[in-house]
């Protein structure tokens, strides 16, 4: 676990299950939380605002991102200002574009200048990172969430892109880069190696932190024992000549 203790990248938990969020809040290694409408729907959230206030009551002192869900920029702005009013630890997630592929830059600029802490999300290209960074107010903290896992899903190595994103964002020192949608625990070390500020991961990935540094010979034996135990429990039989 010494390798985990030496990490500079901050670990955020990504999810919308209140019990799971409380579980991660009990872990001092988890420095913040992210959510989105898809995760909320999957978790069965019915009342967006009521859920958010439950979360903020349970987690009052670490950053939490809640996302707007309008598609019109004027409506997004009204939602963003409302969400920002829910707590000092709230980052408002704004998608990089609307569903018509219109860049959210003017809205990002207005909100950031107004002091709203943003989390600009669904970002996947360096051009988007550059344009977003240019819109951010220098004195307002902000996050840019680059979906490195989805980039990797396309067969591209996200590491060079993420490393370049870190350099681009130096123009706004109060802006932080999130490595979003990681696919495996190793991505935490990838993010750390290129100076990424934050990585947000689902609970199933974060629960693997105890495996870091595990003896591989022992892990091999545990895997063999698991296969044997499950075969026995299933009652599998193969007739042989023995």
Protein backbone atom coordinates (compact mmCIF):
# COMPACT_ATOMS: atom_id res chain seq x y z
CA UNK A 1 0.00 0.00 0.00
CA UNK A 2 3.05 2.29 0.15
CA UNK A 3 2.62 2.83 -3.59
CA UNK A 4 -0.89 4.17 -2.96
CA UNK A 5 0.35 6.46 -0.18
CA UNK A 6 2.88 7.98 -2.57
CA UNK A 7 0.32 8.86 -5.24
CA UNK A 8 -0.07 12.56 -6.04
CA UNK A 9 -3.23 12.09 -8.12
CA UNK A 10 -6.42 12.56 -6.11
CA UNK A 11 -8.90 9.68 -6.03
CA UNK A 12 -12.58 10.54 -6.62
CA UNK A 13 -15.45 8.03 -6.46
CA UNK A 14 -17.84 7.97 -9.42
CA UNK A 15 -21.37 6.79 -8.73
CA UNK A 16 -24.89 7.63 -7.61
CA UNK A 17 -25.71 4.91 -5.11
CA UNK A 18 -26.01 6.72 -1.78
CA UNK A 19 -24.93 3.72 0.30
CA UNK A 20 -21.90 3.22 -1.92
CA UNK A 21 -21.02 6.90 -1.73
CA UNK A 22 -21.21 6.80 2.07
CA UNK A 23 -18.97 3.73 2.05
CA UNK A 24 -16.36 5.59 -0.01
CA UNK A 25 -16.72 8.70 2.16
CA UNK A 26 -15.57 6.59 5.12
CA UNK A 27 -12.28 6.03 3.28
CA UNK A 28 -9.98 9.05 3.79
CA UNK A 29 -8.16 8.18 0.55
CA UNK A 30 -11.25 9.24 -1.44
CA UNK A 31 -10.96 13.00 -1.86
CA UNK A 32 -14.13 13.74 -3.84
CA UNK A 33 -17.13 12.43 -5.76
CA UNK A 34 -18.65 12.65 -9.23
CA UNK A 35 -22.10 11.73 -10.51
CA UNK A 36 -24.03 12.00 -13.76
CA UNK A 37 -27.65 11.51 -14.90
CA UNK A 38 -26.90 8.08 -16.36
CA UNK A 39 -25.49 6.82 -13.07
CA UNK A 40 -28.43 8.35 -11.20
CA UNK A 41 -30.95 6.63 -13.47
CA UNK A 42 -29.09 3.33 -13.08
CA UNK A 43 -29.22 3.74 -9.29
CA UNK A 44 -32.96 4.36 -9.41
CA UNK A 45 -32.87 8.03 -8.38
CA UNK A 46 -36.33 9.55 -8.91
CA UNK A 47 -35.97 13.06 -7.48
CA UNK A 48 -32.73 14.70 -8.66
CA UNK A 49 -32.69 17.60 -6.19
CA UNK A 50 -33.77 15.52 -3.20
CA UNK A 51 -31.05 12.98 -3.95
CA UNK A 52 -28.42 15.71 -4.28
CA UNK A 53 -29.35 17.16 -0.91
CA UNK A 54 -29.17 13.70 0.69
CA UNK A 55 -25.69 13.30 -0.73
CA UNK A 56 -24.58 16.73 0.44
CA UNK A 57 -25.91 16.06 3.93
CA UNK A 58 -23.91 12.83 4.06
CA UNK A 59 -20.80 14.31 2.39
CA UNK A 60 -20.53 17.97 3.43
CA UNK A 61 -16.80 18.55 3.13
CA UNK A 62 -15.45 16.97 -0.07
CA UNK A 63 -15.97 18.08 -3.68
CA UNK A 64 -19.06 16.65 -5.40
CA UNK A 65 -20.05 17.14 -9.04
CA UNK A 66 -23.70 17.26 -10.12
CA UNK A 67 -24.59 17.64 -13.79
CA UNK A 68 -27.10 19.82 -15.61
CA UNK A 69 -29.43 17.87 -17.88
CA UNK A 70 -30.99 20.54 -20.10
CA UNK A 71 -29.97 20.72 -23.76
CA UNK A 72 -30.66 24.43 -24.29
CA UNK A 73 -27.85 26.65 -23.02
CA UNK A 74 -30.18 29.16 -21.35
CA UNK A 75 -31.86 26.35 -19.45
CA UNK A 76 -28.45 24.86 -18.63
CA UNK A 77 -27.43 28.18 -17.12
CA UNK A 78 -30.49 28.34 -14.87
CA UNK A 79 -29.91 24.75 -13.75
CA UNK A 80 -26.21 25.42 -13.17
CA UNK A 81 -26.89 28.41 -10.91
CA UNK A 82 -29.47 26.42 -8.96
CA UNK A 83 -27.14 23.43 -8.53
CA UNK A 84 -24.24 25.70 -7.49
CA UNK A 85 -26.42 27.12 -4.71
CA UNK A 86 -26.76 23.71 -3.06
CA UNK A 87 -23.35 23.76 -1.39
CA UNK A 88 -19.87 25.27 -1.32
CA UNK A 89 -18.38 21.88 -2.21
CA UNK A 90 -20.44 21.53 -5.41
CA UNK A 91 -18.95 21.51 -8.89
CA UNK A 92 -21.51 21.94 -11.65
CA UNK A 93 -21.00 19.56 -14.56
CA UNK A 94 -21.52 21.17 -17.95
CA UNK A 95 -21.22 19.00 -21.09
CA UNK A 96 -18.64 20.26 -23.57
CA UNK A 97 -21.39 20.48 -26.22
CA UNK A 98 -25.13 20.09 -26.35
CA UNK A 99 -26.73 17.25 -28.34
CA UNK A 100 -26.55 19.40 -31.49
CA UNK A 101 -22.73 19.54 -31.15
CA UNK A 102 -22.77 23.25 -30.28
CA UNK A 103 -19.77 24.15 -28.11
CA UNK A 104 -20.74 25.24 -24.59
CA UNK A 105 -17.90 27.79 -24.45
CA UNK A 106 -19.95 30.99 -23.99
CA UNK A 107 -21.89 29.37 -21.13
CA UNK A 108 -18.69 28.03 -19.56
CA UNK A 109 -17.18 31.52 -19.74
CA UNK A 110 -20.21 33.24 -18.17
CA UNK A 111 -20.52 30.76 -15.32
CA UNK A 112 -16.81 30.65 -14.58
CA UNK A 113 -16.61 34.45 -14.52
CA UNK A 114 -19.58 34.42 -12.13
CA UNK A 115 -17.58 32.24 -9.72
CA UNK A 116 -19.37 28.95 -10.40
CA UNK A 117 -17.02 26.01 -9.94
CA UNK A 118 -17.49 23.93 -13.08
CA UNK A 119 -16.70 20.39 -14.12
CA UNK A 120 -16.75 20.42 -17.93
CA UNK A 121 -17.53 16.86 -18.92
CA UNK A 122 -17.61 14.39 -21.83
CA UNK A 123 -14.36 15.84 -23.20
CA UNK A 124 -12.35 13.65 -25.57
CA UNK A 125 -10.07 15.79 -27.73
CA UNK A 126 -7.20 18.21 -27.19
CA UNK A 127 -8.99 20.84 -29.24
CA UNK A 128 -11.86 20.67 -26.74
CA UNK A 129 -9.38 20.98 -23.85
CA UNK A 130 -7.80 24.07 -25.43
CA UNK A 131 -11.14 25.76 -26.08
CA UNK A 132 -12.47 25.02 -22.60
CA UNK A 133 -9.28 26.22 -20.91
CA UNK A 134 -9.49 29.50 -22.80
CA UNK A 135 -13.02 30.03 -21.45
CA UNK A 136 -12.18 29.49 -17.78
CA UNK A 137 -11.78 32.45 -15.43
CA UNK A 138 -8.25 32.46 -13.94
CA UNK A 139 -9.46 32.92 -10.36
CA UNK A 140 -12.28 30.35 -10.33
CA UNK A 141 -11.48 26.70 -9.57
CA UNK A 142 -12.62 24.33 -12.31
CA UNK A 143 -12.32 20.77 -13.54
CA UNK A 144 -12.05 19.39 -17.06
CA UNK A 145 -13.10 15.73 -17.30
CA UNK A 146 -11.41 13.95 -20.19
CA UNK A 147 -12.89 10.51 -20.75
CA UNK A 148 -9.61 8.63 -21.11
CA UNK A 149 -11.32 5.25 -20.78
CA UNK A 150 -13.62 5.93 -23.71
CA UNK A 151 -10.66 7.19 -25.73
CA UNK A 152 -8.94 3.85 -25.01
CA UNK A 153 -12.10 2.04 -26.12
CA UNK A 154 -11.48 3.44 -29.62
CA UNK A 155 -8.06 1.78 -29.81
CA UNK A 156 -6.15 4.98 -29.01
CA UNK A 157 -3.60 5.28 -26.21
CA UNK A 158 -4.95 8.05 -23.95
CA UNK A 159 -1.65 8.66 -22.12
CA UNK A 160 -0.07 11.08 -24.65
CA UNK A 161 -3.34 13.00 -24.97
CA UNK A 162 -3.76 13.27 -21.20
CA UNK A 163 -0.15 14.37 -20.74
CA UNK A 164 -0.66 17.11 -23.31
CA UNK A 165 -3.93 18.14 -21.64
CA UNK A 166 -2.04 18.68 -18.38
CA UNK A 167 0.35 21.04 -20.21
CA UNK A 168 -2.47 22.95 -21.92
CA UNK A 169 -4.29 23.50 -18.65
CA UNK A 170 -1.25 25.08 -16.98
CA UNK A 171 -2.50 28.32 -18.50
CA UNK A 172 -5.22 28.26 -15.81
CA UNK A 173 -3.52 27.09 -12.58
CA UNK A 174 -6.82 26.74 -10.72
CA UNK A 175 -8.13 24.24 -13.28
CA UNK A 176 -7.68 20.52 -12.64
CA UNK A 177 -7.75 17.62 -15.08
CA UNK A 178 -9.81 14.51 -14.33
CA UNK A 179 -8.92 11.15 -15.87
CA UNK A 180 -12.50 9.97 -16.32
CA UNK A 181 -14.00 6.56 -17.14
CA UNK A 182 -10.98 4.42 -16.18
CA UNK A 183 -11.24 0.76 -17.09
CA UNK A 184 -8.83 -0.75 -14.56
CA UNK A 185 -6.98 0.11 -11.38
CA UNK A 186 -3.71 0.46 -13.32
CA UNK A 187 -5.16 3.65 -14.83
CA UNK A 188 -4.67 5.32 -11.43
CA UNK A 189 -0.92 4.88 -11.84
CA UNK A 190 -1.14 5.99 -15.48
CA UNK A 191 -2.87 9.20 -14.38
CA UNK A 192 -0.33 9.78 -11.63
CA UNK A 193 2.62 9.25 -13.98
CA UNK A 194 1.65 12.14 -16.26
CA UNK A 195 0.71 14.60 -13.52
CA UNK A 196 -3.06 14.34 -13.89
CA UNK A 197 -4.69 16.04 -10.93
CA UNK A 198 -7.66 13.70 -10.33
CA UNK A 199 -8.92 10.29 -11.40
CA UNK A 200 -12.55 9.36 -10.80
CA UNK A 201 -13.43 5.68 -10.67
CA UNK A 202 -16.40 3.50 -9.84
CA UNK A 203 -16.51 1.68 -6.52
CA UNK A 204 -15.71 -1.69 -8.10
CA UNK A 205 -12.36 -0.32 -9.30
CA UNK A 206 -11.60 1.56 -6.08
CA UNK A 207 -12.28 -1.56 -4.02
CA UNK A 208 -9.29 -3.17 -5.76
CA UNK A 209 -6.89 -0.77 -4.05
CA UNK A 210 -6.09 -3.47 -1.48
CA UNK A 211 -4.57 -5.54 -4.31
CA UNK A 212 -1.83 -3.00 -5.04
CA UNK A 213 1.55 -4.64 -4.45
CA UNK A 214 0.03 -8.08 -3.79
CA UNK A 215 2.44 -11.01 -4.15
CA UNK A 216 1.75 -12.46 -7.60
CA UNK A 217 2.68 -16.05 -6.68
CA UNK A 218 0.18 -15.92 -3.82
CA UNK A 219 -2.40 -14.30 -6.11
CA UNK A 220 -1.85 -17.15 -8.57
CA UNK A 221 -2.48 -19.72 -5.83
CA UNK A 222 -5.66 -17.94 -4.73
CA UNK A 223 -6.92 -18.01 -8.32
CA UNK A 224 -6.24 -21.75 -8.63
CA UNK A 225 -8.02 -22.33 -5.33
CA UNK A 226 -11.01 -20.30 -6.53
CA UNK A 227 -11.33 -22.34 -9.73
CA UNK A 228 -11.10 -25.60 -7.78
CA UNK A 229 -13.60 -24.49 -5.12
CA UNK A 230 -16.15 -23.35 -7.71
CA UNK A 231 -15.81 -26.56 -9.75
CA UNK A 232 -16.40 -28.61 -6.61
CA UNK A 233 -19.37 -26.47 -5.53
CA UNK A 234 -20.94 -26.87 -8.98
CA UNK A 235 -20.55 -30.65 -8.80
CA UNK A 236 -18.82 -30.88 -12.19
CA UNK A 237 -17.83 -34.37 -13.29
CA UNK A 238 -16.01 -35.72 -16.36
CA UNK A 239 -16.02 -39.46 -16.91
CA UNK A 240 -12.55 -40.77 -17.53
CA UNK A 241 -10.87 -44.14 -17.70
CA UNK A 242 -9.27 -43.58 -14.31
